Amino acid sequence: MYNQHPDQYEAPDKDFMIVALDLLSGLAEGLGGSVDQLVARSNIMTLLFQCMQDPMPEVRQSSFALLGDLTKACFPHVKPCIAEFMPILGLNLNPEFISVCNNATWAIGEIAMQMGELLLAVCPYCSLNFLHTTLYLTTTLKCLSLSLLFHSL
């Protein structure tokens, strides 16, 4: 609303937005599938879509982290938004803002893990090689992390 009518509204507090996104991300990660009912009764996906396009890199970084956590916790609520989210994620695969790029890449990986090659039907511009690489890396890194954890015990 501020972007449409800056003379009528106060500018949003970006620090507050970042903390709120991080809190929601922590809730999604901590509650797992139990967050499903909370997401279903909210407009979080619409708000997340706006935050993913914020000019401030830190807001985008936190919004991509939340997207990844929501994808893991309650993918049925994320799935209808994939076609809108993927172009934004793709635009943020820019190493100029490495933390934003890392979180966008991770969110794409979580989406790819859920959808596999079906992602191509929703996102035809996603290259098959990119999806295979993302799926491979995500699976390999997950196995590597579990292996390292097991061997450290």
Protein backbone atom coordinates (compact mmCIF):
# COMPACT_ATOMS: atom_id res chain seq x y z
CA MET A 1 0.00 0.00 0.00
CA TYR A 2 2.91 2.31 0.75
CA ASN A 3 4.34 1.80 -2.75
CA GLN A 4 1.01 2.72 -4.32
CA HIS A 5 0.29 5.70 -2.06
CA PRO A 6 3.50 6.87 -0.34
CA ASP A 7 1.87 10.18 0.57
CA GLN A 8 -0.87 8.43 2.55
CA TYR A 9 1.11 5.74 4.37
CA GLU A 10 4.19 5.54 6.53
CA ALA A 11 7.18 3.67 5.10
CA PRO A 12 7.41 0.12 6.45
CA ASP A 13 10.00 -0.62 9.11
CA LYS A 14 12.36 -3.01 7.31
CA ASP A 15 14.03 -4.25 10.50
CA PHE A 16 10.61 -5.21 11.84
CA MET A 17 9.82 -7.00 8.57
CA ILE A 18 13.07 -8.98 8.73
CA VAL A 19 12.51 -10.01 12.35
CA ALA A 20 8.91 -11.01 11.56
CA LEU A 21 10.01 -13.09 8.56
CA ASP A 22 12.71 -14.78 10.63
CA LEU A 23 10.21 -15.49 13.41
CA LEU A 24 7.76 -17.05 10.95
CA SER A 25 10.60 -19.07 9.47
CA GLY A 26 11.52 -20.37 12.92
CA LEU A 27 7.89 -21.28 13.61
CA ALA A 28 7.61 -23.15 10.32
CA GLU A 29 10.82 -25.02 11.01
CA GLY A 30 9.93 -25.74 14.64
CA LEU A 31 6.29 -26.68 14.16
CA GLY A 32 6.81 -28.55 10.91
CA GLY A 33 3.55 -29.85 9.48
CA SER A 34 1.62 -28.40 12.43
CA VAL A 35 2.05 -24.94 10.91
CA ASP A 36 -0.29 -26.02 8.09
CA GLN A 37 -3.47 -24.79 9.82
CA LEU A 38 -1.93 -21.43 10.64
CA VAL A 39 -0.83 -20.90 7.04
CA ALA A 40 -4.24 -21.99 5.73
CA ARG A 41 -6.00 -19.29 7.74
CA SER A 42 -3.66 -16.46 6.77
CA ASN A 43 -2.58 -14.35 3.83
CA ILE A 44 1.07 -15.22 4.42
CA MET A 45 1.69 -16.33 0.83
CA THR A 46 0.49 -12.98 -0.55
CA LEU A 47 2.63 -11.08 1.95
CA LEU A 48 5.60 -13.34 1.23
CA PHE A 49 5.23 -12.59 -2.49
CA GLN A 50 5.53 -8.87 -1.70
CA CYS A 51 8.54 -9.36 0.59
CA MET A 52 10.33 -11.45 -2.04
CA GLN A 53 10.29 -8.37 -4.28
CA ASP A 54 11.47 -5.86 -1.69
CA PRO A 55 14.37 -3.64 -2.81
CA MET A 56 16.26 -4.32 0.44
CA PRO A 57 18.42 -7.48 0.12
CA GLU A 58 18.01 -8.45 3.79
CA VAL A 59 14.22 -8.57 3.41
CA ARG A 60 14.54 -10.79 0.34
CA GLN A 61 17.07 -13.00 2.14
CA SER A 62 14.67 -13.62 5.03
CA SER A 63 11.69 -14.07 2.71
CA PHE A 64 13.51 -16.79 0.74
CA ALA A 65 14.41 -18.54 3.99
CA LEU A 66 10.74 -18.47 4.98
CA LEU A 67 9.75 -19.81 1.57
CA GLY A 68 12.15 -22.72 1.97
CA ASP A 69 10.85 -23.51 5.45
CA LEU A 70 7.21 -23.30 4.32
CA THR A 71 8.01 -25.54 1.37
CA LYS A 72 9.33 -28.17 3.77
CA ALA A 73 6.53 -27.75 6.33
CA CYS A 74 3.37 -27.23 4.28
CA PHE A 75 4.05 -27.56 0.58
CA PRO A 76 0.36 -27.77 -0.46
CA HIS A 77 0.03 -24.08 0.47
CA VAL A 78 3.19 -23.11 -1.43
CA LYS A 79 2.46 -25.13 -4.57
CA PRO A 80 -0.23 -22.80 -6.02
CA CYS A 81 2.27 -19.92 -5.85
CA ILE A 82 5.22 -21.65 -7.53
CA ALA A 83 4.60 -20.15 -10.98
CA GLU A 84 4.71 -16.64 -9.47
CA PHE A 85 7.62 -17.32 -7.12
CA MET A 86 10.07 -19.02 -9.49
CA PRO A 87 10.81 -15.97 -11.67
CA ILE A 88 11.54 -13.92 -8.55
CA LEU A 89 13.80 -16.64 -7.18
CA GLY A 90 15.59 -16.82 -10.51
CA LEU A 91 16.22 -13.07 -10.54
CA ASN A 92 17.90 -13.38 -7.15
CA LEU A 93 20.48 -15.96 -8.20
CA ASN A 94 22.98 -13.14 -8.24
CA PRO A 95 26.25 -13.55 -6.30
CA GLU A 96 26.36 -9.77 -5.75
CA PHE A 97 24.20 -10.43 -2.67
CA ILE A 98 25.55 -13.83 -1.65
CA SER A 99 23.17 -14.45 1.29
CA VAL A 100 20.16 -13.61 -0.87
CA CYS A 101 21.52 -15.88 -3.61
CA ASN A 102 22.15 -18.71 -1.12
CA ASN A 103 18.62 -18.54 0.29
CA ALA A 104 17.03 -18.28 -3.17
CA THR A 105 19.03 -21.31 -4.28
CA TRP A 106 18.03 -23.24 -1.16
CA ALA A 107 14.34 -22.37 -1.66
CA ILE A 108 14.54 -23.52 -5.29
CA GLY A 109 16.14 -26.74 -4.07
CA GLU A 110 13.36 -27.37 -1.55
CA ILE A 111 10.74 -26.72 -4.23
CA ALA A 112 12.56 -29.02 -6.65
CA MET A 113 12.72 -31.74 -3.97
CA GLN A 114 8.92 -31.53 -3.58
CA MET A 115 8.02 -31.27 -7.25
CA GLY A 116 10.87 -32.97 -9.07
CA GLU A 117 10.53 -32.76 -12.84
CA LEU A 118 6.89 -31.68 -12.47
CA LEU A 119 8.36 -28.25 -11.80
CA LEU A 120 8.97 -27.97 -15.55
CA ALA A 121 5.22 -28.02 -16.19
CA VAL A 122 4.74 -25.05 -13.87
CA CYS A 123 8.01 -23.37 -14.71
CA PRO A 124 8.81 -24.13 -18.37
CA TYR A 125 11.80 -21.77 -18.46
CA CYS A 126 13.56 -23.78 -15.73
CA SER A 127 16.18 -25.86 -17.46
CA LEU A 128 16.10 -29.59 -16.93
CA ASN A 129 19.85 -29.56 -16.26
CA PHE A 130 19.38 -26.96 -13.52
CA LEU A 131 16.68 -29.08 -11.88
CA HIS A 132 18.73 -32.28 -12.10
CA THR A 133 21.75 -30.47 -10.66
CA THR A 134 19.67 -28.94 -7.87
CA LEU A 135 18.05 -32.27 -7.00
CA TYR A 136 21.41 -34.03 -7.08
CA LEU A 137 23.16 -31.43 -4.95
CA THR A 138 20.31 -31.19 -2.45
CA THR A 139 20.15 -34.97 -2.05
CA THR A 140 23.94 -35.38 -1.95
CA LEU A 141 24.43 -32.59 0.58
CA LYS A 142 21.63 -33.96 2.76
CA CYS A 143 23.24 -37.43 2.70
CA LEU A 144 26.67 -35.91 3.31
CA SER A 145 25.34 -33.92 6.28
CA LEU A 146 23.72 -37.02 7.76
CA SER A 147 26.91 -39.00 7.20
CA LEU A 148 29.03 -36.33 8.89
CA LEU A 149 26.60 -36.16 11.79
CA PHE A 150 26.59 -39.96 12.17
CA HIS A 151 30.38 -40.18 12.10
CA SER A 152 30.77 -37.35 14.60
CA LEU A 153 28.84 -39.26 17.28
